[in-house]
Amino acid sequence: MTFERVNSFAYLGTLIIADNNTSAKINNKITLANRSYFGLVNILKAKNINRKYKVIIYETLMKPVLMYGTETWVLSKTDELCLGVFERKLLRRIYGPICEDIMKNCIVCMMRLIW
């Protein structure tokens, strides 16, 4: 019996690579979590669902897909940035955009009213 030699394969949801490239594993996890995100994007866009429940959906359905097997990763700065960008994308969908200029203008208007 002979076995085929491959460079990478998935085992228990984790990508096993011949050269043990952690960046490729992290990009694979981001892709898998992105798929779960797009499966739930209609729920996250819904206006009639409370943010609290959207956060619960994020923490129970999307975050575990991304974080499975992270205890064996060795992160570089670029890997950390990729994970941060992906997490901010999900949280922006849940909380919506925050316009700092509007907040600053409101504070300025309030200060003028006080004076």
N, C-alpha and C. Protein backbone atom coordinates (compact mmCIF):
# COMPACT_ATOMS: atom_id res chain seq x y z
N MET A 1 0.84 -1.17 0.00
CA MET A 1 0.00 0.00 0.00
C MET A 1 0.89 1.24 0.00
N THR A 2 0.61 2.17 -0.90
CA THR A 2 1.37 3.41 -0.96
C THR A 2 0.44 4.58 -0.69
N PHE A 3 1.00 5.61 -0.11
CA PHE A 3 0.25 6.81 0.18
C PHE A 3 0.73 7.93 -0.72
N GLU A 4 -0.22 8.75 -1.13
CA GLU A 4 0.11 9.89 -1.97
C GLU A 4 0.73 10.98 -1.10
N ARG A 5 1.78 11.59 -1.57
CA ARG A 5 2.43 12.67 -0.84
C ARG A 5 1.78 13.99 -1.25
N VAL A 6 1.30 14.75 -0.26
CA VAL A 6 0.64 16.02 -0.52
C VAL A 6 1.33 17.11 0.28
N ASN A 7 1.15 18.36 -0.15
CA ASN A 7 1.75 19.50 0.55
C ASN A 7 0.88 19.99 1.69
N SER A 8 -0.44 19.83 1.55
CA SER A 8 -1.34 20.29 2.61
C SER A 8 -2.62 19.46 2.57
N PHE A 9 -3.24 19.35 3.75
CA PHE A 9 -4.53 18.68 3.85
C PHE A 9 -5.24 19.18 5.11
N ALA A 10 -6.56 19.02 5.13
CA ALA A 10 -7.36 19.44 6.28
C ALA A 10 -7.59 18.23 7.18
N TYR A 11 -7.33 18.41 8.47
CA TYR A 11 -7.55 17.36 9.45
C TYR A 11 -8.26 17.97 10.64
N LEU A 12 -9.46 17.49 10.93
CA LEU A 12 -10.29 17.99 12.03
C LEU A 12 -10.49 19.50 11.94
N GLY A 13 -10.67 20.01 10.75
CA GLY A 13 -10.93 21.42 10.56
C GLY A 13 -9.69 22.30 10.57
N THR A 14 -8.53 21.72 10.71
CA THR A 14 -7.29 22.48 10.74
C THR A 14 -6.46 22.12 9.51
N LEU A 15 -5.88 23.12 8.92
CA LEU A 15 -5.05 22.91 7.74
C LEU A 15 -3.65 22.47 8.17
N ILE A 16 -3.22 21.32 7.70
CA ILE A 16 -1.88 20.81 7.98
C ILE A 16 -1.04 21.04 6.73
N ILE A 17 0.08 21.77 6.90
CA ILE A 17 0.93 22.16 5.77
C ILE A 17 2.32 21.57 5.98
N ALA A 18 2.95 21.17 4.88
CA ALA A 18 4.26 20.53 4.95
C ALA A 18 5.31 21.44 5.57
N ASP A 19 5.30 22.74 5.24
CA ASP A 19 6.32 23.63 5.77
C ASP A 19 5.88 24.35 7.05
N ASN A 20 4.71 23.97 7.60
CA ASN A 20 4.19 24.52 8.86
C ASN A 20 4.06 26.04 8.81
N ASN A 21 3.53 26.55 7.72
CA ASN A 21 3.33 27.99 7.53
C ASN A 21 2.08 28.42 8.29
N THR A 22 2.27 29.19 9.37
CA THR A 22 1.16 29.61 10.20
C THR A 22 0.27 30.62 9.48
N SER A 23 0.84 31.46 8.64
CA SER A 23 0.05 32.47 7.92
C SER A 23 -0.99 31.82 7.02
N ALA A 24 -0.63 30.73 6.38
CA ALA A 24 -1.58 30.03 5.53
C ALA A 24 -2.71 29.43 6.36
N LYS A 25 -2.38 28.92 7.55
CA LYS A 25 -3.40 28.38 8.44
C LYS A 25 -4.36 29.48 8.89
N ILE A 26 -3.82 30.64 9.22
CA ILE A 26 -4.65 31.75 9.68
C ILE A 26 -5.53 32.25 8.54
N ASN A 27 -4.99 32.36 7.34
CA ASN A 27 -5.81 32.78 6.20
C ASN A 27 -6.91 31.77 5.92
N ASN A 28 -6.64 30.49 6.10
CA ASN A 28 -7.67 29.47 5.93
C ASN A 28 -8.77 29.63 6.97
N LYS A 29 -8.40 29.89 8.21
CA LYS A 29 -9.39 30.10 9.27
C LYS A 29 -10.23 31.35 9.01
N ILE A 30 -9.60 32.42 8.52
CA ILE A 30 -10.34 33.63 8.19
C ILE A 30 -11.32 33.35 7.07
N THR A 31 -10.92 32.55 6.09
CA THR A 31 -11.82 32.19 5.00
C THR A 31 -13.02 31.39 5.52
N LEU A 32 -12.76 30.44 6.41
CA LEU A 32 -13.86 29.66 6.98
C LEU A 32 -14.80 30.52 7.80
N ALA A 33 -14.24 31.43 8.61
CA ALA A 33 -15.08 32.32 9.41
C ALA A 33 -15.84 33.30 8.52
N ASN A 34 -15.24 33.71 7.41
CA ASN A 34 -15.91 34.59 6.46
C ASN A 34 -17.11 33.88 5.83
N ARG A 35 -16.98 32.59 5.58
CA ARG A 35 -18.12 31.82 5.06
C ARG A 35 -19.26 31.78 6.06
N SER A 36 -18.93 31.58 7.34
CA SER A 36 -19.99 31.57 8.34
C SER A 36 -20.61 32.96 8.49
N TYR A 37 -19.79 34.00 8.32
CA TYR A 37 -20.30 35.37 8.36
C TYR A 37 -21.31 35.62 7.24
N PHE A 38 -20.95 35.22 6.01
CA PHE A 38 -21.85 35.45 4.89
C PHE A 38 -23.10 34.58 4.98
N GLY A 39 -23.03 33.47 5.69
CA GLY A 39 -24.22 32.67 5.93
C GLY A 39 -25.18 33.34 6.89
N LEU A 40 -24.65 34.21 7.76
CA LEU A 40 -25.47 34.88 8.76
C LEU A 40 -25.63 36.37 8.51
N VAL A 41 -25.19 36.86 7.37
CA VAL A 41 -25.20 38.30 7.12
C VAL A 41 -26.61 38.88 7.13
N ASN A 42 -27.61 38.11 6.71
CA ASN A 42 -28.98 38.63 6.75
C ASN A 42 -29.46 38.86 8.17
N ILE A 43 -29.04 38.01 9.08
CA ILE A 43 -29.39 38.19 10.50
C ILE A 43 -28.66 39.41 11.06
N LEU A 44 -27.40 39.56 10.70
CA LEU A 44 -26.63 40.69 11.22
C LEU A 44 -27.10 42.02 10.65
N LYS A 45 -27.68 42.02 9.44
CA LYS A 45 -28.20 43.25 8.83
C LYS A 45 -29.58 43.62 9.35
N ALA A 46 -30.29 42.66 9.94
CA ALA A 46 -31.68 42.88 10.33
C ALA A 46 -31.78 44.00 11.37
N LYS A 47 -32.70 44.91 11.12
CA LYS A 47 -32.90 46.04 12.03
C LYS A 47 -33.73 45.65 13.25
N ASN A 48 -34.52 44.58 13.13
CA ASN A 48 -35.42 44.21 14.22
C ASN A 48 -34.79 43.26 15.24
N ILE A 49 -33.53 42.93 15.07
CA ILE A 49 -32.82 42.09 16.03
C ILE A 49 -31.91 42.97 16.87
N ASN A 50 -32.00 42.81 18.16
CA ASN A 50 -31.24 43.60 19.11
C ASN A 50 -29.74 43.32 18.97
N ARG A 51 -28.91 44.34 19.22
CA ARG A 51 -27.46 44.19 19.14
C ARG A 51 -26.94 43.13 20.09
N LYS A 52 -27.59 43.03 21.25
CA LYS A 52 -27.16 42.06 22.24
C LYS A 52 -27.22 40.64 21.66
N TYR A 53 -28.28 40.35 20.92
CA TYR A 53 -28.42 39.03 20.32
C TYR A 53 -27.47 38.84 19.14
N LYS A 54 -27.18 39.91 18.44
CA LYS A 54 -26.21 39.82 17.35
C LYS A 54 -24.82 39.52 17.90
N VAL A 55 -24.48 40.11 19.03
CA VAL A 55 -23.18 39.83 19.67
C VAL A 55 -23.13 38.38 20.14
N ILE A 56 -24.24 37.88 20.68
CA ILE A 56 -24.29 36.48 21.10
C ILE A 56 -24.10 35.56 19.89
N ILE A 57 -24.73 35.89 18.76
CA ILE A 57 -24.56 35.11 17.53
C ILE A 57 -23.09 35.14 17.09
N TYR A 58 -22.48 36.32 17.16
CA TYR A 58 -21.06 36.45 16.79
C TYR A 58 -20.18 35.59 17.69
N GLU A 59 -20.41 35.66 18.99
CA GLU A 59 -19.55 34.94 19.93
C GLU A 59 -19.76 33.43 19.91
N THR A 60 -20.96 32.97 19.53
CA THR A 60 -21.22 31.54 19.57
C THR A 60 -21.09 30.85 18.22
N LEU A 61 -21.30 31.57 17.11
CA LEU A 61 -21.29 30.93 15.80
C LEU A 61 -20.10 31.30 14.92
N MET A 62 -19.58 32.51 15.04
CA MET A 62 -18.51 32.94 14.14
C MET A 62 -17.13 32.91 14.80
N LYS A 63 -17.05 33.40 16.01
CA LYS A 63 -15.75 33.47 16.68
C LYS A 63 -15.12 32.09 16.91
N PRO A 64 -15.89 31.06 17.31
CA PRO A 64 -15.27 29.74 17.47
C PRO A 64 -14.70 29.16 16.17
N VAL A 65 -15.33 29.45 15.04
CA VAL A 65 -14.81 28.99 13.75
C VAL A 65 -13.43 29.59 13.51
N LEU A 66 -13.28 30.87 13.84
CA LEU A 66 -12.02 31.56 13.64
C LEU A 66 -10.95 31.11 14.65
N MET A 67 -11.36 30.89 15.88
CA MET A 67 -10.38 30.68 16.95
C MET A 67 -10.05 29.21 17.24
N TYR A 68 -10.65 28.27 16.51
CA TYR A 68 -10.36 26.85 16.75
C TYR A 68 -8.90 26.54 16.39
N GLY A 69 -8.18 26.04 17.35
CA GLY A 69 -6.78 25.66 17.14
C GLY A 69 -5.80 26.80 17.30
N THR A 70 -6.21 27.93 17.85
CA THR A 70 -5.32 29.08 17.96
C THR A 70 -4.21 28.88 18.99
N GLU A 71 -4.39 27.94 19.89
CA GLU A 71 -3.36 27.76 20.92
C GLU A 71 -2.05 27.23 20.34
N THR A 72 -2.06 26.77 19.10
CA THR A 72 -0.83 26.27 18.48
C THR A 72 -0.23 27.25 17.48
N TRP A 73 -0.84 28.41 17.31
CA TRP A 73 -0.34 29.38 16.33
C TRP A 73 0.79 30.21 16.91
N VAL A 74 1.74 30.54 16.06
CA VAL A 74 2.77 31.53 16.39
C VAL A 74 2.45 32.73 15.51
N LEU A 75 2.02 33.82 16.12
CA LEU A 75 1.54 34.97 15.35
C LEU A 75 2.65 35.97 15.05
N SER A 76 2.64 36.45 13.83
CA SER A 76 3.49 37.58 13.47
C SER A 76 2.62 38.83 13.49
N LYS A 77 3.23 39.97 13.31
CA LYS A 77 2.47 41.23 13.32
C LYS A 77 1.45 41.26 12.19
N THR A 78 1.81 40.76 11.01
CA THR A 78 0.87 40.78 9.89
C THR A 78 -0.31 39.85 10.15
N ASP A 79 -0.05 38.72 10.82
CA ASP A 79 -1.15 37.81 11.17
C ASP A 79 -2.10 38.46 12.17
N GLU A 80 -1.52 39.15 13.15
CA GLU A 80 -2.35 39.86 14.12
C GLU A 80 -3.20 40.93 13.43
N LEU A 81 -2.61 41.65 12.48
CA LEU A 81 -3.36 42.67 11.76
C LEU A 81 -4.50 42.06 10.95
N CYS A 82 -4.25 40.94 10.30
CA CYS A 82 -5.30 40.27 9.51
C CYS A 82 -6.46 39.84 10.40
N LEU A 83 -6.15 39.26 11.56
CA LEU A 83 -7.19 38.84 12.48
C LEU A 83 -7.96 40.05 13.02
N GLY A 84 -7.25 41.13 13.32
CA GLY A 84 -7.90 42.35 13.81
C GLY A 84 -8.82 42.97 12.77
N VAL A 85 -8.37 42.99 11.52
CA VAL A 85 -9.19 43.54 10.44
C VAL A 85 -10.47 42.74 10.28
N PHE A 86 -10.36 41.42 10.32
CA PHE A 86 -11.53 40.58 10.17
C PHE A 86 -12.51 40.78 11.33
N GLU A 87 -11.99 40.83 12.55
CA GLU A 87 -12.87 41.01 13.71
C GLU A 87 -13.55 42.37 13.67
N ARG A 88 -12.82 43.41 13.28
CA ARG A 88 -13.45 44.74 13.18
C ARG A 88 -14.53 44.77 12.11
N LYS A 89 -14.32 44.02 11.02
CA LYS A 89 -15.35 43.94 9.97
C LYS A 89 -16.64 43.37 10.53
N LEU A 90 -16.53 42.31 11.32
CA LEU A 90 -17.72 41.71 11.90
C LEU A 90 -18.38 42.64 12.92
N LEU A 91 -17.58 43.27 13.74
CA LEU A 91 -18.14 44.15 14.76
C LEU A 91 -18.75 45.42 14.15
N ARG A 92 -18.19 45.90 13.03
CA ARG A 92 -18.80 47.04 12.35
C ARG A 92 -20.18 46.68 11.82
N ARG A 93 -20.33 45.44 11.35
CA ARG A 93 -21.63 45.00 10.85
C ARG A 93 -22.64 44.95 11.99
N ILE A 94 -22.19 44.56 13.18
CA ILE A 94 -23.10 44.46 14.32
C ILE A 94 -23.43 45.83 14.88
N TYR A 95 -22.42 46.65 15.14
CA TYR A 95 -22.63 47.93 15.80
C TYR A 95 -22.89 49.08 14.84
N GLY A 96 -22.54 48.91 13.58
CA GLY A 96 -22.72 49.98 12.60
C GLY A 96 -21.54 50.93 12.63
N PRO A 97 -21.46 51.79 11.62
CA PRO A 97 -20.35 52.74 11.58
C PRO A 97 -20.48 53.80 12.66
N ILE A 98 -19.36 54.25 13.14
CA ILE A 98 -19.32 55.31 14.14
C ILE A 98 -18.67 56.51 13.49
N CYS A 99 -19.40 57.58 13.39
CA CYS A 99 -18.87 58.79 12.77
C CYS A 99 -18.39 59.71 13.89
N GLU A 100 -17.09 59.82 14.03
CA GLU A 100 -16.52 60.62 15.12
C GLU A 100 -16.76 62.11 14.91
N ASP A 101 -16.84 62.55 13.65
CA ASP A 101 -17.07 63.96 13.39
C ASP A 101 -18.43 64.40 13.91
N ILE A 102 -19.43 63.58 13.75
CA ILE A 102 -20.77 63.91 14.25
C ILE A 102 -20.73 64.00 15.76
N MET A 103 -20.04 63.08 16.41
CA MET A 103 -19.95 63.11 17.87
C MET A 103 -19.21 64.36 18.33
N LYS A 104 -18.14 64.73 17.65
CA LYS A 104 -17.41 65.93 18.01
C LYS A 104 -18.27 67.17 17.82
N ASN A 105 -19.04 67.21 16.72
CA ASN A 105 -19.91 68.35 16.47
C ASN A 105 -20.99 68.46 17.53
N CYS A 106 -21.53 67.32 17.98
CA CYS A 106 -22.54 67.34 19.03
C CYS A 106 -21.95 67.87 20.33
N ILE A 107 -20.73 67.46 20.63
CA ILE A 107 -20.08 67.93 21.86
C ILE A 107 -19.82 69.43 21.77
N VAL A 108 -19.38 69.90 20.61
CA VAL A 108 -19.13 71.33 20.42
C VAL A 108 -20.44 72.11 20.58
N CYS A 109 -21.53 71.61 20.01
CA CYS A 109 -22.82 72.27 20.14
C CYS A 109 -23.27 72.31 21.60
N MET A 110 -23.06 71.23 22.32
CA MET A 110 -23.42 71.19 23.72
C MET A 110 -22.58 72.19 24.52
N MET A 111 -21.31 72.30 24.18
CA MET A 111 -20.44 73.25 24.89
C MET A 111 -20.90 74.68 24.62
N ARG A 112 -21.34 74.95 23.40
CA ARG A 112 -21.82 76.29 23.07
C ARG A 112 -23.08 76.61 23.85
N LEU A 113 -23.96 75.61 24.00
CA LEU A 113 -25.19 75.84 24.75
C LEU A 113 -24.90 76.11 26.22
N ILE A 114 -23.89 75.47 26.76
CA ILE A 114 -23.54 75.65 28.17
C ILE A 114 -22.96 77.05 28.38
N TRP A 115 -22.16 77.53 27.42
CA TRP A 115 -21.55 78.85 27.56
C TRP A 115 -22.62 79.89 27.43
